[in-house]
All heavy atoms as atom14 arrays in JSON, in Angstrom:
{
  "sequence": "GRPFGALREETYAYERVEVIKGGNSTTFGVSDPGGSVNYATKV",
  "atom14_mask": [
    [1, 1, 1, 1, 0, 0, 0, 0, 0, 0, 0, 0, 0, 0],
    [1, 1, 1, 1, 1, 1, 1, 1, 1, 1, 1, 0, 0, 0],
    [1, 1, 1, 1, 1, 1, 1, 0, 0, 0, 0, 0, 0, 0],
    [1, 1, 1, 1, 1, 1, 1, 1, 1, 1, 1, 0, 0, 0],
    [1, 1, 1, 1, 0, 0, 0, 0, 0, 0, 0, 0, 0, 0],
    [1, 1, 1, 1, 1, 0, 0, 0, 0, 0, 0, 0, 0, 0],
    [1, 1, 1, 1, 1, 1, 1, 1, 0, 0, 0, 0, 0, 0],
    [1, 1, 1, 1, 1, 1, 1, 1, 1, 1, 1, 0, 0, 0],
    [1, 1, 1, 1, 1, 1, 1, 1, 1, 0, 0, 0, 0, 0],
    [1, 1, 1, 1, 1, 1, 1, 1, 1, 0, 0, 0, 0, 0],
    [1, 1, 1, 1, 1, 1, 1, 0, 0, 0, 0, 0, 0, 0],
    [1, 1, 1, 1, 1, 1, 1, 1, 1, 1, 1, 1, 0, 0],
    [1, 1, 1, 1, 1, 0, 0, 0, 0, 0, 0, 0, 0, 0],
    [1, 1, 1, 1, 1, 1, 1, 1, 1, 1, 1, 1, 0, 0],
    [1, 1, 1, 1, 1, 1, 1, 1, 1, 0, 0, 0, 0, 0],
    [1, 1, 1, 1, 1, 1, 1, 1, 1, 1, 1, 0, 0, 0],
    [1, 1, 1, 1, 1, 1, 1, 0, 0, 0, 0, 0, 0, 0],
    [1, 1, 1, 1, 1, 1, 1, 1, 1, 0, 0, 0, 0, 0],
    [1, 1, 1, 1, 1, 1, 1, 0, 0, 0, 0, 0, 0, 0],
    [1, 1, 1, 1, 1, 1, 1, 1, 0, 0, 0, 0, 0, 0],
    [1, 1, 1, 1, 1, 1, 1, 1, 1, 0, 0, 0, 0, 0],
    [1, 1, 1, 1, 0, 0, 0, 0, 0, 0, 0, 0, 0, 0],
    [1, 1, 1, 1, 0, 0, 0, 0, 0, 0, 0, 0, 0, 0],
    [1, 1, 1, 1, 1, 1, 1, 1, 0, 0, 0, 0, 0, 0],
    [1, 1, 1, 1, 1, 1, 0, 0, 0, 0, 0, 0, 0, 0],
    [1, 1, 1, 1, 1, 1, 1, 0, 0, 0, 0, 0, 0, 0],
    [1, 1, 1, 1, 1, 1, 1, 0, 0, 0, 0, 0, 0, 0],
    [1, 1, 1, 1, 1, 1, 1, 1, 1, 1, 1, 0, 0, 0],
    [1, 1, 1, 1, 0, 0, 0, 0, 0, 0, 0, 0, 0, 0],
    [1, 1, 1, 1, 1, 1, 1, 0, 0, 0, 0, 0, 0, 0],
    [1, 1, 1, 1, 1, 1, 0, 0, 0, 0, 0, 0, 0, 0],
    [1, 1, 1, 1, 1, 1, 1, 1, 0, 0, 0, 0, 0, 0],
    [1, 1, 1, 1, 1, 1, 1, 0, 0, 0, 0, 0, 0, 0],
    [1, 1, 1, 1, 0, 0, 0, 0, 0, 0, 0, 0, 0, 0],
    [1, 1, 1, 1, 0, 0, 0, 0, 0, 0, 0, 0, 0, 0],
    [1, 1, 1, 1, 1, 1, 0, 0, 0, 0, 0, 0, 0, 0],
    [1, 1, 1, 1, 1, 1, 1, 0, 0, 0, 0, 0, 0, 0],
    [1, 1, 1, 1, 1, 1, 1, 1, 0, 0, 0, 0, 0, 0],
    [1, 1, 1, 1, 1, 1, 1, 1, 1, 1, 1, 1, 0, 0],
    [1, 1, 1, 1, 1, 0, 0, 0, 0, 0, 0, 0, 0, 0],
    [1, 1, 1, 1, 1, 1, 1, 0, 0, 0, 0, 0, 0, 0],
    [1, 1, 1, 1, 1, 1, 1, 1, 1, 0, 0, 0, 0, 0],
    [1, 1, 1, 1, 1, 1, 1, 0, 0, 0, 0, 0, 0, 0]
  ],
  "atom14_positions": [
    [[-5.21, 6.25, -0.64], [-5.02, 7.39, 0.27], [-4.23, 6.98, 1.49], [-3.55, 6.0, 1.55], [0.0, 0.0, 0.0], [0.0, 0.0, 0.0], [0.0, 0.0, 0.0], [0.0, 0.0, 0.0], [0.0, 0.0, 0.0], [0.0, 0.0, 0.0], [0.0, 0.0, 0.0], [0.0, 0.0, 0.0], [0.0, 0.0, 0.0], [0.0, 0.0, 0.0]],
    [[-4.35, 7.83, 2.53], [-3.66, 7.57, 3.78], [-4.46, 6.56, 4.62], [-5.66, 6.44, 4.51], [-3.51, 8.86, 4.55], [-2.59, 9.81, 3.91], [-2.53, 11.12, 4.73], [-1.64, 12.06, 4.18], [-0.34, 12.16, 4.51], [0.19, 11.38, 5.37], [0.43, 13.07, 3.92], [0.0, 0.0, 0.0], [0.0, 0.0, 0.0], [0.0, 0.0, 0.0]],
    [[-3.75, 5.86, 5.53], [-4.44, 4.82, 6.3], [-5.38, 5.38, 7.39], [-6.31, 4.73, 7.78], [-3.3, 4.03, 6.92], [-2.16, 4.99, 7.02], [-2.33, 5.87, 5.8], [0.0, 0.0, 0.0], [0.0, 0.0, 0.0], [0.0, 0.0, 0.0], [0.0, 0.0, 0.0], [0.0, 0.0, 0.0], [0.0, 0.0, 0.0], [0.0, 0.0, 0.0]],
    [[-5.12, 6.57, 7.91], [-5.9, 7.05, 9.03], [-7.34, 7.36, 8.63], [-7.61, 8.17, 7.75], [-5.28, 8.32, 9.64], [-5.91, 8.74, 10.91], [-5.56, 8.11, 12.1], [-6.86, 9.72, 10.93], [-6.13, 8.49, 13.26], [-7.44, 10.12, 12.12], [-7.1, 9.49, 13.29], [0.0, 0.0, 0.0], [0.0, 0.0, 0.0], [0.0, 0.0, 0.0]],
    [[-8.27, 6.7, 9.24], [-9.68, 6.91, 8.95], [-10.2, 6.15, 7.74], [-11.36, 6.25, 7.42], [0.0, 0.0, 0.0], [0.0, 0.0, 0.0], [0.0, 0.0, 0.0], [0.0, 0.0, 0.0], [0.0, 0.0, 0.0], [0.0, 0.0, 0.0], [0.0, 0.0, 0.0], [0.0, 0.0, 0.0], [0.0, 0.0, 0.0], [0.0, 0.0, 0.0]],
    [[-9.35, 5.4, 7.07], [-9.8, 4.61, 5.9], [-10.47, 3.33, 6.38], [-10.28, 2.86, 7.51], [-8.61, 4.27, 5.01], [0.0, 0.0, 0.0], [0.0, 0.0, 0.0], [0.0, 0.0, 0.0], [0.0, 0.0, 0.0], [0.0, 0.0, 0.0], [0.0, 0.0, 0.0], [0.0, 0.0, 0.0], [0.0, 0.0, 0.0], [0.0, 0.0, 0.0]],
    [[-11.28, 2.76, 5.53], [-11.93, 1.48, 5.86], [-10.9, 0.39, 6.05], [-9.87, 0.36, 5.39], [-12.9, 1.09, 4.76], [-14.1, 1.99, 4.57], [-14.91, 1.57, 3.35], [-14.98, 2.03, 5.79], [0.0, 0.0, 0.0], [0.0, 0.0, 0.0], [0.0, 0.0, 0.0], [0.0, 0.0, 0.0], [0.0, 0.0, 0.0], [0.0, 0.0, 0.0]],
    [[-11.18, -0.5, 6.94], [-10.27, -1.66, 7.17], [-10.35, -2.58, 5.96], [-11.44, -2.91, 5.46], [-10.74, -2.39, 8.42], [-9.88, -3.58, 8.72], [-10.03, -4.03, 10.15], [-8.84, -3.55, 10.8], [-8.58, -3.74, 12.08], [-9.47, -4.32, 12.85], [-7.46, -3.32, 12.6], [0.0, 0.0, 0.0], [0.0, 0.0, 0.0], [0.0, 0.0, 0.0]],
    [[-9.21, -2.97, 5.46], [-9.13, -3.86, 4.29], [-9.29, -5.32, 4.72], [-8.81, -5.72, 5.79], [-7.78, -3.66, 3.58], [-7.6, -2.28, 3.02], [-8.53, -1.96, 1.88], [-8.85, -2.86, 1.1], [-8.9, -0.78, 1.76], [0.0, 0.0, 0.0], [0.0, 0.0, 0.0], [0.0, 0.0, 0.0], [0.0, 0.0, 0.0], [0.0, 0.0, 0.0]],
    [[-9.93, -6.09, 3.87], [-10.12, -7.52, 4.13], [-8.95, -8.3, 3.59], [-8.74, -8.38, 2.35], [-11.42, -8.01, 3.47], [-11.68, -9.5, 3.62], [-11.71, -9.95, 5.04], [-12.43, -9.35, 5.84], [-11.0, -10.93, 5.35], [0.0, 0.0, 0.0], [0.0, 0.0, 0.0], [0.0, 0.0, 0.0], [0.0, 0.0, 0.0], [0.0, 0.0, 0.0]],
    [[-8.12, -8.87, 4.48], [-6.88, -9.54, 4.05], [-7.11, -10.77, 3.16], [-6.28, -11.13, 2.37], [-6.07, -9.96, 5.26], [-6.83, -10.77, 6.13], [-5.59, -8.72, 6.03], [0.0, 0.0, 0.0], [0.0, 0.0, 0.0], [0.0, 0.0, 0.0], [0.0, 0.0, 0.0], [0.0, 0.0, 0.0], [0.0, 0.0, 0.0], [0.0, 0.0, 0.0]],
    [[-8.29, -11.4, 3.28], [-8.56, -12.58, 2.49], [-8.68, -12.25, 1.0], [-8.52, -13.12, 0.14], [-9.83, -13.28, 2.99], [-10.03, -14.66, 2.43], [-9.14, -15.69, 2.79], [-11.08, -14.94, 1.6], [-9.32, -16.98, 2.28], [-11.27, -16.24, 1.13], [-10.38, -17.24, 1.47], [-10.57, -18.5, 0.95], [0.0, 0.0, 0.0], [0.0, 0.0, 0.0]],
    [[-8.93, -11.0, 0.67], [-9.09, -10.6, -0.74], [-7.77, -10.38, -1.43], [-7.72, -10.19, -2.66], [-9.91, -9.29, -0.8], [0.0, 0.0, 0.0], [0.0, 0.0, 0.0], [0.0, 0.0, 0.0], [0.0, 0.0, 0.0], [0.0, 0.0, 0.0], [0.0, 0.0, 0.0], [0.0, 0.0, 0.0], [0.0, 0.0, 0.0], [0.0, 0.0, 0.0]],
    [[-6.68, -10.42, -0.7], [-5.36, -10.11, -1.3], [-4.46, -11.31, -1.38], [-4.45, -12.16, -0.5], [-4.66, -9.02, -0.48], [-5.47, -7.75, -0.42], [-6.0, -7.28, 0.77], [-5.77, -7.07, -1.56], [-6.75, -6.12, 0.82], [-6.54, -5.94, -1.54], [-7.02, -5.47, -0.37], [-7.79, -4.33, -0.32], [0.0, 0.0, 0.0], [0.0, 0.0, 0.0]],
    [[-3.68, -11.33, -2.45], [-2.67, -12.35, -2.62], [-1.44, -12.03, -1.78], [-0.8, -12.92, -1.23], [-2.3, -12.42, -4.12], [-1.58, -13.66, -4.51], [-1.51, -13.76, -6.0], [-2.52, -14.02, -6.65], [-0.37, -13.62, -6.57], [0.0, 0.0, 0.0], [0.0, 0.0, 0.0], [0.0, 0.0, 0.0], [0.0, 0.0, 0.0], [0.0, 0.0, 0.0]],
    [[-1.11, -10.73, -1.7], [0.03, -10.3, -0.91], [-0.1, -8.83, -0.57], [-0.88, -8.1, -1.2], [1.36, -10.57, -1.64], [1.52, -9.8, -2.91], [2.81, -10.19, -3.65], [2.88, -9.43, -4.87], [2.23, -9.69, -6.02], [1.45, -10.73, -6.05], [2.36, -8.96, -7.06], [0.0, 0.0, 0.0], [0.0, 0.0, 0.0], [0.0, 0.0, 0.0]],
    [[0.64, -8.42, 0.44], [0.72, -7.01, 0.83], [2.15, -6.57, 0.68], [3.06, -7.19, 1.32], [0.23, -6.8, 2.3], [0.35, -5.34, 2.71], [-1.21, -7.27, 2.45], [0.0, 0.0, 0.0], [0.0, 0.0, 0.0], [0.0, 0.0, 0.0], [0.0, 0.0, 0.0], [0.0, 0.0, 0.0], [0.0, 0.0, 0.0], [0.0, 0.0, 0.0]],
    [[2.43, -5.61, -0.16], [3.79, -5.19, -0.46], [4.1, -3.91, 0.29], [3.33, -2.94, 0.25], [3.95, -4.94, -1.95], [3.6, -6.15, -2.78], [3.45, -5.83, -4.29], [3.22, -4.67, -4.62], [3.57, -6.76, -5.06], [0.0, 0.0, 0.0], [0.0, 0.0, 0.0], [0.0, 0.0, 0.0], [0.0, 0.0, 0.0], [0.0, 0.0, 0.0]],
    [[5.27, -3.84, 0.94], [5.75, -2.64, 1.57], [6.89, -2.08, 0.73], [7.88, -2.79, 0.5], [6.2, -2.89, 3.04], [6.79, -1.63, 3.63], [5.04, -3.41, 3.84], [0.0, 0.0, 0.0], [0.0, 0.0, 0.0], [0.0, 0.0, 0.0], [0.0, 0.0, 0.0], [0.0, 0.0, 0.0], [0.0, 0.0, 0.0], [0.0, 0.0, 0.0]],
    [[6.77, -0.88, 0.26], [7.82, -0.25, -0.55], [8.35, 0.92, 0.28], [7.61, 1.84, 0.63], [7.24, 0.25, -1.87], [6.54, -0.91, -2.58], [8.34, 0.84, -2.76], [5.62, -0.5, -3.67], [0.0, 0.0, 0.0], [0.0, 0.0, 0.0], [0.0, 0.0, 0.0], [0.0, 0.0, 0.0], [0.0, 0.0, 0.0], [0.0, 0.0, 0.0]],
    [[9.66, 0.9, 0.59], [10.26, 1.86, 1.5], [11.07, 2.89, 0.73], [11.63, 2.61, -0.34], [11.16, 1.19, 2.55], [10.39, 0.18, 3.4], [11.35, -0.48, 4.34], [10.71, -1.7, 4.99], [11.67, -2.47, 5.75], [0.0, 0.0, 0.0], [0.0, 0.0, 0.0], [0.0, 0.0, 0.0], [0.0, 0.0, 0.0], [0.0, 0.0, 0.0]],
    [[11.19, 4.08, 1.33], [12.07, 5.11, 0.82], [11.56, 5.72, -0.48], [10.37, 5.76, -0.75], [0.0, 0.0, 0.0], [0.0, 0.0, 0.0], [0.0, 0.0, 0.0], [0.0, 0.0, 0.0], [0.0, 0.0, 0.0], [0.0, 0.0, 0.0], [0.0, 0.0, 0.0], [0.0, 0.0, 0.0], [0.0, 0.0, 0.0], [0.0, 0.0, 0.0]],
    [[12.53, 6.23, -1.25], [12.22, 6.93, -2.52], [11.51, 6.06, -3.56], [10.76, 6.54, -4.39], [0.0, 0.0, 0.0], [0.0, 0.0, 0.0], [0.0, 0.0, 0.0], [0.0, 0.0, 0.0], [0.0, 0.0, 0.0], [0.0, 0.0, 0.0], [0.0, 0.0, 0.0], [0.0, 0.0, 0.0], [0.0, 0.0, 0.0], [0.0, 0.0, 0.0]],
    [[11.68, 4.76, -3.48], [10.99, 3.84, -4.39], [9.5, 3.87, -4.21], [8.75, 3.44, -5.12], [11.51, 2.41, -4.23], [12.91, 2.21, -4.73], [13.38, 3.0, -5.59], [13.61, 1.26, -4.19], [0.0, 0.0, 0.0], [0.0, 0.0, 0.0], [0.0, 0.0, 0.0], [0.0, 0.0, 0.0], [0.0, 0.0, 0.0], [0.0, 0.0, 0.0]],
    [[9.03, 4.35, -3.08], [7.62, 4.31, -2.81], [6.85, 5.32, -3.68], [5.65, 5.28, -3.78], [7.34, 4.63, -1.32], [7.74, 5.95, -1.01], [0.0, 0.0, 0.0], [0.0, 0.0, 0.0], [0.0, 0.0, 0.0], [0.0, 0.0, 0.0], [0.0, 0.0, 0.0], [0.0, 0.0, 0.0], [0.0, 0.0, 0.0], [0.0, 0.0, 0.0]],
    [[7.51, 6.19, -4.37], [6.88, 7.18, -5.25], [6.59, 6.57, -6.63], [6.11, 7.26, -7.49], [7.71, 8.45, -5.41], [9.0, 8.1, -5.96], [7.93, 9.15, -4.09], [0.0, 0.0, 0.0], [0.0, 0.0, 0.0], [0.0, 0.0, 0.0], [0.0, 0.0, 0.0], [0.0, 0.0, 0.0], [0.0, 0.0, 0.0], [0.0, 0.0, 0.0]],
    [[6.89, 5.3, -6.81], [6.62, 4.64, -8.06], [5.17, 4.78, -8.5], [4.87, 4.99, -9.68], [6.94, 3.12, -7.94], [8.29, 2.99, -7.55], [6.71, 2.4, -9.25], [0.0, 0.0, 0.0], [0.0, 0.0, 0.0], [0.0, 0.0, 0.0], [0.0, 0.0, 0.0], [0.0, 0.0, 0.0], [0.0, 0.0, 0.0], [0.0, 0.0, 0.0]],
    [[4.24, 4.65, -7.56], [2.8, 4.73, -7.87], [2.28, 6.16, -7.9], [1.18, 6.41, -8.29], [2.0, 3.92, -6.87], [2.32, 2.47, -6.86], [2.69, 1.85, -5.69], [2.29, 1.72, -8.01], [3.03, 0.52, -5.66], [2.58, 0.39, -8.01], [2.96, -0.26, -6.83], [0.0, 0.0, 0.0], [0.0, 0.0, 0.0], [0.0, 0.0, 0.0]],
    [[3.05, 7.1, -7.38], [2.59, 8.49, -7.33], [2.95, 9.16, -6.01], [4.03, 8.92, -5.5], [0.0, 0.0, 0.0], [0.0, 0.0, 0.0], [0.0, 0.0, 0.0], [0.0, 0.0, 0.0], [0.0, 0.0, 0.0], [0.0, 0.0, 0.0], [0.0, 0.0, 0.0], [0.0, 0.0, 0.0], [0.0, 0.0, 0.0], [0.0, 0.0, 0.0]],
    [[2.07, 9.98, -5.5], [2.32, 10.76, -4.28], [2.56, 9.79, -3.13], [1.84, 8.84, -2.93], [1.15, 11.66, -3.97], [1.34, 12.37, -2.65], [0.92, 12.63, -5.07], [0.0, 0.0, 0.0], [0.0, 0.0, 0.0], [0.0, 0.0, 0.0], [0.0, 0.0, 0.0], [0.0, 0.0, 0.0], [0.0, 0.0, 0.0], [0.0, 0.0, 0.0]],
    [[3.62, 10.08, -2.34], [3.92, 9.27, -1.2], [4.83, 10.01, -0.27], [5.56, 10.92, -0.69], [4.56, 7.94, -1.59], [4.8, 7.14, -0.52], [0.0, 0.0, 0.0], [0.0, 0.0, 0.0], [0.0, 0.0, 0.0], [0.0, 0.0, 0.0], [0.0, 0.0, 0.0], [0.0, 0.0, 0.0], [0.0, 0.0, 0.0], [0.0, 0.0, 0.0]],
    [[4.83, 9.69, 1.0], [5.76, 10.25, 1.95], [7.08, 9.52, 1.8], [7.16, 8.41, 1.29], [5.25, 10.06, 3.39], [4.15, 11.1, 3.71], [4.23, 12.2, 3.2], [3.24, 10.74, 4.47], [0.0, 0.0, 0.0], [0.0, 0.0, 0.0], [0.0, 0.0, 0.0], [0.0, 0.0, 0.0], [0.0, 0.0, 0.0], [0.0, 0.0, 0.0]],
    [[8.21, 10.14, 2.27], [9.51, 9.49, 2.09], [9.68, 8.21, 2.87], [10.57, 7.43, 2.58], [10.5, 10.55, 2.62], [9.72, 11.61, 3.26], [8.27, 11.44, 2.89], [0.0, 0.0, 0.0], [0.0, 0.0, 0.0], [0.0, 0.0, 0.0], [0.0, 0.0, 0.0], [0.0, 0.0, 0.0], [0.0, 0.0, 0.0], [0.0, 0.0, 0.0]],
    [[8.81, 7.95, 3.84], [8.91, 6.71, 4.59], [8.61, 5.49, 3.76], [9.28, 4.48, 3.86], [0.0, 0.0, 0.0], [0.0, 0.0, 0.0], [0.0, 0.0, 0.0], [0.0, 0.0, 0.0], [0.0, 0.0, 0.0], [0.0, 0.0, 0.0], [0.0, 0.0, 0.0], [0.0, 0.0, 0.0], [0.0, 0.0, 0.0], [0.0, 0.0, 0.0]],
    [[7.56, 5.56, 2.95], [7.17, 4.43, 2.12], [5.71, 4.35, 1.88], [4.94, 5.22, 2.3], [0.0, 0.0, 0.0], [0.0, 0.0, 0.0], [0.0, 0.0, 0.0], [0.0, 0.0, 0.0], [0.0, 0.0, 0.0], [0.0, 0.0, 0.0], [0.0, 0.0, 0.0], [0.0, 0.0, 0.0], [0.0, 0.0, 0.0], [0.0, 0.0, 0.0]],
    [[5.33, 3.27, 1.2], [3.9, 3.07, 0.9], [3.58, 1.58, 0.95], [4.48, 0.76, 0.98], [3.52, 3.66, -0.46], [4.29, 3.03, -1.47], [0.0, 0.0, 0.0], [0.0, 0.0, 0.0], [0.0, 0.0, 0.0], [0.0, 0.0, 0.0], [0.0, 0.0, 0.0], [0.0, 0.0, 0.0], [0.0, 0.0, 0.0], [0.0, 0.0, 0.0]],
    [[2.3, 1.27, 0.95], [1.84, -0.13, 1.01], [0.96, -0.38, -0.17], [0.08, 0.42, -0.48], [1.07, -0.38, 2.33], [0.5, -1.81, 2.35], [1.99, -0.17, 3.51], [0.0, 0.0, 0.0], [0.0, 0.0, 0.0], [0.0, 0.0, 0.0], [0.0, 0.0, 0.0], [0.0, 0.0, 0.0], [0.0, 0.0, 0.0], [0.0, 0.0, 0.0]],
    [[1.24, -1.44, -0.91], [0.4, -1.83, -2.06], [-0.24, -3.18, -1.77], [0.41, -4.16, -1.45], [1.28, -1.94, -3.31], [0.47, -2.24, -4.54], [-0.58, -1.67, -4.77], [0.95, -3.24, -5.32], [0.0, 0.0, 0.0], [0.0, 0.0, 0.0], [0.0, 0.0, 0.0], [0.0, 0.0, 0.0], [0.0, 0.0, 0.0], [0.0, 0.0, 0.0]],
    [[-1.57, -3.21, -1.9], [-2.34, -4.46, -1.76], [-2.48, -5.1, -3.11], [-3.07, -4.49, -4.02], [-3.71, -4.21, -1.19], [-3.71, -3.49, 0.15], [-4.23, -2.21, 0.23], [-3.18, -4.06, 1.28], [-4.25, -1.54, 1.47], [-3.2, -3.41, 2.49], [-3.73, -2.15, 2.58], [-3.74, -1.5, 3.79], [0.0, 0.0, 0.0], [0.0, 0.0, 0.0]],
    [[-1.96, -6.29, -3.31], [-2.09, -7.01, -4.57], [-3.24, -7.98, -4.47], [-3.21, -8.94, -3.72], [-0.8, -7.74, -4.92], [0.0, 0.0, 0.0], [0.0, 0.0, 0.0], [0.0, 0.0, 0.0], [0.0, 0.0, 0.0], [0.0, 0.0, 0.0], [0.0, 0.0, 0.0], [0.0, 0.0, 0.0], [0.0, 0.0, 0.0], [0.0, 0.0, 0.0]],
    [[-4.3, -7.73, -5.24], [-5.52, -8.57, -5.2], [-5.21, -9.93, -5.81], [-4.29, -10.09, -6.6], [-6.69, -7.91, -5.91], [-6.34, -7.61, -7.25], [-7.13, -6.65, -5.22], [0.0, 0.0, 0.0], [0.0, 0.0, 0.0], [0.0, 0.0, 0.0], [0.0, 0.0, 0.0], [0.0, 0.0, 0.0], [0.0, 0.0, 0.0], [0.0, 0.0, 0.0]],
    [[-6.03, -10.89, -5.47], [-5.88, -12.23, -6.01], [-6.13, -12.18, -7.51], [-6.99, -11.47, -7.99], [-6.88, -13.18, -5.36], [-6.56, -13.49, -3.91], [-7.57, -14.44, -3.32], [-7.21, -14.73, -1.88], [-8.18, -15.65, -1.27], [0.0, 0.0, 0.0], [0.0, 0.0, 0.0], [0.0, 0.0, 0.0], [0.0, 0.0, 0.0], [0.0, 0.0, 0.0]],
    [[-5.38, -12.98, -8.24], [-5.53, -13.06, -9.71], [-6.04, -14.46, -10.05], [-5.8, -15.43, -9.31], [-4.22, -12.77, -10.44], [-3.77, -11.36, -10.2], [-3.12, -13.72, -10.02], [0.0, 0.0, 0.0], [0.0, 0.0, 0.0], [0.0, 0.0, 0.0], [0.0, 0.0, 0.0], [0.0, 0.0, 0.0], [0.0, 0.0, 0.0], [0.0, 0.0, 0.0]]
  ]
}
């Protein structure tokens, strides 16, 4: 969902944080034209 009011994510649980900007951000689904953020968990 949107970041406002969401729980704070624990950065130690993630391998990386990906920022996808512009139209490519709709790859995962609904998104604003600015972009989206994908948290990649540790594998």
